[in-house]
Amino acid sequence: MVKTIAVTSASILTLLALGYLATKFLVKPISMDLSLIGQGKPVLVLAYENYSPTGGEALDRLRQVRDEYASRLTFLVADLGTPQGRAFANRFGLVDGQAVFMQADGRPLRVTDIPGDERELRNRLDAKLAAIE
């Protein structure tokens, strides 16, 4: 019995460690450095609340397309769990899972929800970028 508990505990700890390492080194996080806004490149800022399904799903969708748009668009997160993130979200009326598209000079273009469909997300990003390029 004690051996079974020890083996099970060791297995769980191993899986947790592997999951942590995979997340830490394989999934590149989206920056929370809001000072990047207005630095000459368009920015999409997602309002994100930790442990919220809405924000988590929107963040996952942005991660799916980020590499394709990285040369033309900076992706950022306004973490609603921090004073800076809350202040940013309040300034633009954002709630968890919503984003604001910012022009290269930092002027806001539009507040939007992140579509659930990856194709629709790509279409919206392409349209916004075409409008300002």
N, C-alpha and C. Protein backbone atom coordinates (compact mmCIF):
# COMPACT_ATOMS: atom_id res chain seq x y z
N MET A 1 0.83 -1.20 0.00
CA MET A 1 0.00 0.00 0.00
C MET A 1 0.86 1.26 0.00
N VAL A 2 1.86 1.29 0.89
CA VAL A 2 2.74 2.45 0.97
C VAL A 2 3.52 2.60 -0.33
N LYS A 3 3.94 1.47 -0.91
CA LYS A 3 4.69 1.51 -2.17
C LYS A 3 3.81 2.08 -3.29
N THR A 4 2.55 1.68 -3.33
CA THR A 4 1.63 2.17 -4.35
C THR A 4 1.44 3.68 -4.24
N ILE A 5 1.28 4.17 -3.01
CA ILE A 5 1.12 5.60 -2.79
C ILE A 5 2.38 6.35 -3.21
N ALA A 6 3.54 5.82 -2.88
CA ALA A 6 4.81 6.46 -3.25
C ALA A 6 4.98 6.51 -4.76
N VAL A 7 4.68 5.42 -5.43
CA VAL A 7 4.81 5.37 -6.89
C VAL A 7 3.81 6.33 -7.54
N THR A 8 2.59 6.36 -7.06
CA THR A 8 1.58 7.26 -7.59
C THR A 8 1.99 8.72 -7.38
N SER A 9 2.47 9.03 -6.18
CA SER A 9 2.91 10.40 -5.88
C SER A 9 4.07 10.80 -6.77
N ALA A 10 5.03 9.91 -6.94
CA ALA A 10 6.18 10.20 -7.80
C ALA A 10 5.74 10.40 -9.24
N SER A 11 4.79 9.61 -9.70
CA SER A 11 4.29 9.75 -11.07
C SER A 11 3.59 11.09 -11.26
N ILE A 12 2.79 11.48 -10.31
CA ILE A 12 2.07 12.76 -10.39
C ILE A 12 3.07 13.92 -10.39
N LEU A 13 4.05 13.87 -9.52
CA LEU A 13 5.06 14.94 -9.48
C LEU A 13 5.85 15.01 -10.78
N THR A 14 6.15 13.86 -11.35
CA THR A 14 6.88 13.83 -12.63
C THR A 14 6.03 14.47 -13.73
N LEU A 15 4.75 14.12 -13.79
CA LEU A 15 3.87 14.71 -14.80
C LEU A 15 3.72 16.21 -14.62
N LEU A 16 3.61 16.66 -13.39
CA LEU A 16 3.52 18.10 -13.12
C LEU A 16 4.80 18.81 -13.55
N ALA A 17 5.94 18.22 -13.24
CA ALA A 17 7.22 18.82 -13.63
C ALA A 17 7.36 18.88 -15.15
N LEU A 18 6.98 17.82 -15.84
CA LEU A 18 7.05 17.80 -17.30
C LEU A 18 6.11 18.84 -17.91
N GLY A 19 4.91 18.96 -17.35
CA GLY A 19 3.96 19.95 -17.82
C GLY A 19 4.49 21.36 -17.62
N TYR A 20 5.08 21.61 -16.47
CA TYR A 20 5.65 22.92 -16.19
C TYR A 20 6.77 23.24 -17.17
N LEU A 21 7.67 22.30 -17.37
CA LEU A 21 8.80 22.52 -18.29
C LEU A 21 8.32 22.73 -19.72
N ALA A 22 7.34 21.96 -20.15
CA ALA A 22 6.81 22.12 -21.50
C ALA A 22 6.19 23.50 -21.67
N THR A 23 5.45 23.95 -20.67
CA THR A 23 4.82 25.27 -20.73
C THR A 23 5.88 26.37 -20.68
N LYS A 24 6.87 26.19 -19.86
CA LYS A 24 7.90 27.21 -19.68
C LYS A 24 8.79 27.37 -20.91
N PHE A 25 9.13 26.26 -21.55
CA PHE A 25 10.12 26.32 -22.62
C PHE A 25 9.55 26.11 -24.02
N LEU A 26 8.40 25.52 -24.16
CA LEU A 26 7.84 25.27 -25.48
C LEU A 26 6.79 26.30 -25.88
N VAL A 27 6.09 26.85 -24.91
CA VAL A 27 5.06 27.85 -25.20
C VAL A 27 5.61 29.22 -24.82
N LYS A 28 5.89 30.03 -25.82
CA LYS A 28 6.42 31.36 -25.58
C LYS A 28 5.29 32.25 -25.05
N PRO A 29 5.48 32.83 -23.87
CA PRO A 29 4.41 33.67 -23.32
C PRO A 29 4.24 34.96 -24.11
N ILE A 30 3.05 35.51 -24.05
CA ILE A 30 2.80 36.82 -24.66
C ILE A 30 3.16 37.88 -23.62
N SER A 31 3.91 38.86 -24.05
CA SER A 31 4.44 39.89 -23.15
C SER A 31 3.33 40.71 -22.50
N MET A 32 3.62 41.18 -21.30
CA MET A 32 2.73 42.10 -20.59
C MET A 32 3.32 43.51 -20.55
N ASP A 33 4.37 43.76 -21.34
CA ASP A 33 5.06 45.04 -21.36
C ASP A 33 4.29 46.06 -22.20
N LEU A 34 3.38 46.77 -21.55
CA LEU A 34 2.53 47.72 -22.26
C LEU A 34 3.30 48.96 -22.73
N SER A 35 4.54 49.10 -22.33
CA SER A 35 5.35 50.22 -22.82
C SER A 35 5.74 50.04 -24.29
N LEU A 36 5.48 48.86 -24.85
CA LEU A 36 5.76 48.60 -26.26
C LEU A 36 4.74 49.27 -27.19
N ILE A 37 3.64 49.73 -26.62
CA ILE A 37 2.61 50.41 -27.41
C ILE A 37 3.16 51.75 -27.89
N GLY A 38 2.92 52.04 -29.17
CA GLY A 38 3.34 53.32 -29.73
C GLY A 38 4.80 53.38 -30.13
N GLN A 39 5.42 52.22 -30.25
CA GLN A 39 6.85 52.17 -30.60
C GLN A 39 7.08 51.88 -32.08
N GLY A 40 6.10 52.19 -32.94
CA GLY A 40 6.29 52.07 -34.37
C GLY A 40 5.74 50.80 -35.00
N LYS A 41 5.07 49.97 -34.22
CA LYS A 41 4.49 48.73 -34.74
C LYS A 41 3.07 48.59 -34.18
N PRO A 42 2.11 48.19 -35.01
CA PRO A 42 0.75 47.98 -34.48
C PRO A 42 0.76 46.93 -33.36
N VAL A 43 -0.19 47.07 -32.44
CA VAL A 43 -0.25 46.21 -31.26
C VAL A 43 -1.68 45.75 -31.05
N LEU A 44 -1.83 44.49 -30.66
CA LEU A 44 -3.12 43.97 -30.21
C LEU A 44 -2.96 43.63 -28.74
N VAL A 45 -3.74 44.29 -27.88
CA VAL A 45 -3.63 44.08 -26.44
C VAL A 45 -4.87 43.35 -25.95
N LEU A 46 -4.67 42.18 -25.37
CA LEU A 46 -5.75 41.37 -24.82
C LEU A 46 -5.90 41.63 -23.33
N ALA A 47 -7.11 41.92 -22.87
CA ALA A 47 -7.40 41.98 -21.44
C ALA A 47 -7.57 40.54 -20.96
N TYR A 48 -6.78 40.18 -19.96
CA TYR A 48 -6.71 38.78 -19.54
C TYR A 48 -6.80 38.66 -18.02
N GLU A 49 -7.71 37.83 -17.57
CA GLU A 49 -7.86 37.52 -16.15
C GLU A 49 -7.43 36.08 -15.92
N ASN A 50 -6.45 35.90 -15.04
CA ASN A 50 -5.99 34.53 -14.74
C ASN A 50 -7.16 33.66 -14.29
N TYR A 51 -7.12 32.43 -14.69
CA TYR A 51 -8.11 31.40 -14.31
C TYR A 51 -9.50 31.65 -14.88
N SER A 52 -9.60 32.54 -15.85
CA SER A 52 -10.89 32.78 -16.49
C SER A 52 -10.94 32.03 -17.81
N PRO A 53 -11.98 31.24 -18.02
CA PRO A 53 -12.09 30.51 -19.29
C PRO A 53 -12.13 31.44 -20.50
N THR A 54 -12.82 32.56 -20.39
CA THR A 54 -12.96 33.48 -21.52
C THR A 54 -11.60 34.03 -21.94
N GLY A 55 -10.87 34.57 -21.00
CA GLY A 55 -9.55 35.13 -21.30
C GLY A 55 -8.56 34.05 -21.72
N GLY A 56 -8.63 32.90 -21.07
CA GLY A 56 -7.73 31.80 -21.41
C GLY A 56 -7.94 31.29 -22.82
N GLU A 57 -9.19 31.18 -23.23
CA GLU A 57 -9.48 30.72 -24.59
C GLU A 57 -9.04 31.76 -25.62
N ALA A 58 -9.27 33.04 -25.32
CA ALA A 58 -8.84 34.10 -26.24
C ALA A 58 -7.31 34.10 -26.36
N LEU A 59 -6.63 33.93 -25.24
CA LEU A 59 -5.17 33.88 -25.25
C LEU A 59 -4.66 32.70 -26.07
N ASP A 60 -5.29 31.56 -25.94
CA ASP A 60 -4.90 30.39 -26.72
C ASP A 60 -5.06 30.65 -28.22
N ARG A 61 -6.14 31.30 -28.61
CA ARG A 61 -6.35 31.59 -30.03
C ARG A 61 -5.30 32.56 -30.56
N LEU A 62 -4.93 33.54 -29.74
CA LEU A 62 -3.90 34.48 -30.17
C LEU A 62 -2.55 33.78 -30.31
N ARG A 63 -2.28 32.86 -29.41
CA ARG A 63 -1.02 32.10 -29.52
C ARG A 63 -0.98 31.28 -30.81
N GLN A 64 -2.12 30.81 -31.28
CA GLN A 64 -2.17 30.01 -32.50
C GLN A 64 -1.77 30.81 -33.73
N VAL A 65 -2.02 32.10 -33.74
CA VAL A 65 -1.73 32.91 -34.93
C VAL A 65 -0.54 33.85 -34.75
N ARG A 66 -0.03 33.97 -33.55
CA ARG A 66 1.01 34.95 -33.24
C ARG A 66 2.23 34.84 -34.14
N ASP A 67 2.75 33.65 -34.34
CA ASP A 67 3.97 33.50 -35.13
C ASP A 67 3.79 34.00 -36.56
N GLU A 68 2.62 33.77 -37.11
CA GLU A 68 2.33 34.20 -38.48
C GLU A 68 2.31 35.72 -38.63
N TYR A 69 1.92 36.43 -37.57
CA TYR A 69 1.77 37.88 -37.62
C TYR A 69 2.88 38.64 -36.90
N ALA A 70 3.82 37.94 -36.30
CA ALA A 70 4.83 38.56 -35.44
C ALA A 70 5.64 39.66 -36.13
N SER A 71 5.86 39.56 -37.42
CA SER A 71 6.65 40.58 -38.10
C SER A 71 5.85 41.87 -38.34
N ARG A 72 4.54 41.79 -38.26
CA ARG A 72 3.69 42.95 -38.56
C ARG A 72 2.90 43.46 -37.37
N LEU A 73 2.81 42.66 -36.31
CA LEU A 73 1.92 42.99 -35.20
C LEU A 73 2.51 42.47 -33.89
N THR A 74 2.51 43.32 -32.87
CA THR A 74 2.94 42.91 -31.54
C THR A 74 1.72 42.49 -30.73
N PHE A 75 1.79 41.33 -30.11
CA PHE A 75 0.72 40.84 -29.25
C PHE A 75 1.12 41.09 -27.80
N LEU A 76 0.22 41.72 -27.04
CA LEU A 76 0.46 41.99 -25.63
C LEU A 76 -0.74 41.58 -24.80
N VAL A 77 -0.50 41.42 -23.50
CA VAL A 77 -1.56 41.09 -22.55
C VAL A 77 -1.61 42.17 -21.48
N ALA A 78 -2.81 42.66 -21.21
CA ALA A 78 -3.06 43.52 -20.06
C ALA A 78 -3.63 42.62 -18.98
N ASP A 79 -2.79 42.25 -18.03
CA ASP A 79 -3.19 41.32 -16.97
C ASP A 79 -4.08 42.05 -15.97
N LEU A 80 -5.34 41.66 -15.93
CA LEU A 80 -6.31 42.33 -15.05
C LEU A 80 -6.03 42.09 -13.58
N GLY A 81 -5.09 41.21 -13.28
CA GLY A 81 -4.68 40.96 -11.90
C GLY A 81 -3.59 41.90 -11.42
N THR A 82 -3.17 42.83 -12.28
CA THR A 82 -2.14 43.81 -11.90
C THR A 82 -2.73 45.21 -12.00
N PRO A 83 -2.20 46.15 -11.21
CA PRO A 83 -2.72 47.53 -11.29
C PRO A 83 -2.55 48.13 -12.70
N GLN A 84 -1.42 47.89 -13.34
CA GLN A 84 -1.18 48.43 -14.68
C GLN A 84 -2.17 47.84 -15.69
N GLY A 85 -2.39 46.54 -15.62
CA GLY A 85 -3.33 45.89 -16.53
C GLY A 85 -4.76 46.36 -16.33
N ARG A 86 -5.17 46.49 -15.06
CA ARG A 86 -6.52 46.98 -14.75
C ARG A 86 -6.70 48.41 -15.25
N ALA A 87 -5.69 49.26 -15.03
CA ALA A 87 -5.78 50.66 -15.47
C ALA A 87 -5.90 50.73 -16.99
N PHE A 88 -5.12 49.91 -17.69
CA PHE A 88 -5.19 49.89 -19.15
C PHE A 88 -6.58 49.46 -19.61
N ALA A 89 -7.09 48.38 -19.03
CA ALA A 89 -8.41 47.87 -19.41
C ALA A 89 -9.49 48.90 -19.11
N ASN A 90 -9.41 49.55 -17.99
CA ASN A 90 -10.40 50.58 -17.64
C ASN A 90 -10.35 51.75 -18.62
N ARG A 91 -9.16 52.13 -19.05
CA ARG A 91 -9.01 53.26 -19.99
C ARG A 91 -9.74 52.99 -21.30
N PHE A 92 -9.77 51.73 -21.72
CA PHE A 92 -10.39 51.40 -23.01
C PHE A 92 -11.71 50.63 -22.87
N GLY A 93 -12.19 50.47 -21.63
CA GLY A 93 -13.45 49.78 -21.40
C GLY A 93 -13.40 48.29 -21.73
N LEU A 94 -12.23 47.68 -21.54
CA LEU A 94 -12.06 46.25 -21.86
C LEU A 94 -12.49 45.38 -20.69
N VAL A 95 -13.07 44.25 -21.03
CA VAL A 95 -13.34 43.20 -20.05
C VAL A 95 -12.54 41.97 -20.47
N ASP A 96 -12.46 41.01 -19.59
CA ASP A 96 -11.69 39.80 -19.84
C ASP A 96 -12.04 39.17 -21.19
N GLY A 97 -11.00 38.91 -21.99
CA GLY A 97 -11.20 38.27 -23.29
C GLY A 97 -11.39 39.23 -24.44
N GLN A 98 -11.51 40.52 -24.15
CA GLN A 98 -11.60 41.52 -25.21
C GLN A 98 -10.21 42.07 -25.50
N ALA A 99 -10.05 42.66 -26.67
CA ALA A 99 -8.77 43.22 -27.05
C ALA A 99 -8.97 44.58 -27.71
N VAL A 100 -7.92 45.37 -27.69
CA VAL A 100 -7.92 46.64 -28.41
C VAL A 100 -6.77 46.60 -29.40
N PHE A 101 -7.08 46.99 -30.62
CA PHE A 101 -6.09 47.06 -31.69
C PHE A 101 -5.55 48.49 -31.69
N MET A 102 -4.22 48.61 -31.56
CA MET A 102 -3.58 49.92 -31.48
C MET A 102 -2.74 50.16 -32.73
N GLN A 103 -2.80 51.38 -33.24
CA GLN A 103 -2.00 51.73 -34.39
C GLN A 103 -0.52 51.84 -33.98
N ALA A 104 0.36 51.94 -34.96
CA ALA A 104 1.80 51.98 -34.70
C ALA A 104 2.19 53.14 -33.79
N ASP A 105 1.43 54.23 -33.83
CA ASP A 105 1.73 55.39 -32.99
C ASP A 105 1.05 55.31 -31.62
N GLY A 106 0.33 54.23 -31.36
CA GLY A 106 -0.30 54.02 -30.06
C GLY A 106 -1.74 54.46 -29.97
N ARG A 107 -2.27 55.02 -31.04
CA ARG A 107 -3.68 55.41 -31.02
C ARG A 107 -4.56 54.17 -31.13
N PRO A 108 -5.62 54.08 -30.32
CA PRO A 108 -6.51 52.92 -30.40
C PRO A 108 -7.32 52.95 -31.70
N LEU A 109 -7.48 51.79 -32.28
CA LEU A 109 -8.26 51.68 -33.51
C LEU A 109 -9.64 51.12 -33.21
N ARG A 110 -9.67 50.00 -32.46
CA ARG A 110 -10.97 49.38 -32.21
C ARG A 110 -10.86 48.38 -31.07
N VAL A 111 -11.88 48.35 -30.21
CA VAL A 111 -12.02 47.31 -29.19
C VAL A 111 -12.84 46.19 -29.81
N THR A 112 -12.42 44.96 -29.57
CA THR A 112 -13.10 43.82 -30.19
C THR A 112 -13.02 42.59 -29.30
N ASP A 113 -13.94 41.68 -29.53
CA ASP A 113 -13.83 40.35 -28.92
C ASP A 113 -12.89 39.54 -29.80
N ILE A 114 -12.27 38.53 -29.24
CA ILE A 114 -11.43 37.62 -30.02
C ILE A 114 -12.35 36.51 -30.53
N PRO A 115 -12.47 36.37 -31.85
CA PRO A 115 -13.39 35.36 -32.39
C PRO A 115 -13.00 33.95 -31.97
N GLY A 116 -13.99 33.09 -31.82
CA GLY A 116 -13.76 31.70 -31.47
C GLY A 116 -13.18 30.87 -32.60
N ASP A 117 -13.34 31.35 -33.81
CA ASP A 117 -12.87 30.64 -34.99
C ASP A 117 -11.53 31.24 -35.45
N GLU A 118 -10.53 30.39 -35.64
CA GLU A 118 -9.20 30.85 -36.02
C GLU A 118 -9.21 31.56 -37.38
N ARG A 119 -9.98 31.07 -38.31
CA ARG A 119 -10.08 31.70 -39.63
C ARG A 119 -10.65 33.11 -39.52
N GLU A 120 -11.68 33.27 -38.71
CA GLU A 120 -12.28 34.59 -38.51
C GLU A 120 -11.27 35.53 -37.83
N LEU A 121 -10.50 35.02 -36.88
CA LEU A 121 -9.48 35.83 -36.23
C LEU A 121 -8.45 36.30 -37.26
N ARG A 122 -7.99 35.41 -38.12
CA ARG A 122 -7.04 35.78 -39.16
C ARG A 122 -7.64 36.83 -40.11
N ASN A 123 -8.90 36.65 -40.49
CA ASN A 123 -9.56 37.62 -41.37
C ASN A 123 -9.61 39.01 -40.73
N ARG A 124 -9.95 39.06 -39.44
CA ARG A 124 -10.01 40.35 -38.75
C ARG A 124 -8.63 41.00 -38.64
N LEU A 125 -7.63 40.20 -38.29
CA LEU A 125 -6.28 40.74 -38.19
C LEU A 125 -5.80 41.27 -39.54
N ASP A 126 -6.05 40.49 -40.59
CA ASP A 126 -5.66 40.92 -41.95
C ASP A 126 -6.35 42.22 -42.33
N ALA A 127 -7.63 42.34 -42.03
CA ALA A 127 -8.39 43.55 -42.37
C ALA A 127 -7.85 44.76 -41.59
N LYS A 128 -7.60 44.60 -40.32
CA LYS A 128 -7.09 45.72 -39.50
C LYS A 128 -5.71 46.14 -39.97
N LEU A 129 -4.85 45.17 -40.25
CA LEU A 129 -3.50 45.50 -40.71
C LEU A 129 -3.53 46.17 -42.08
N ALA A 130 -4.40 45.70 -42.96
CA ALA A 130 -4.51 46.30 -44.31
C ALA A 130 -4.99 47.74 -44.20
N ALA A 131 -5.84 48.03 -43.24
CA ALA A 131 -6.38 49.38 -43.09
C ALA A 131 -5.33 50.39 -42.63
N ILE A 132 -4.30 49.92 -41.94
CA ILE A 132 -3.32 50.87 -41.42
C ILE A 132 -1.96 50.80 -42.10
N GLU A 133 -1.76 49.83 -42.96
CA GLU A 133 -0.46 49.70 -43.63
C GLU A 133 -0.44 50.50 -44.91
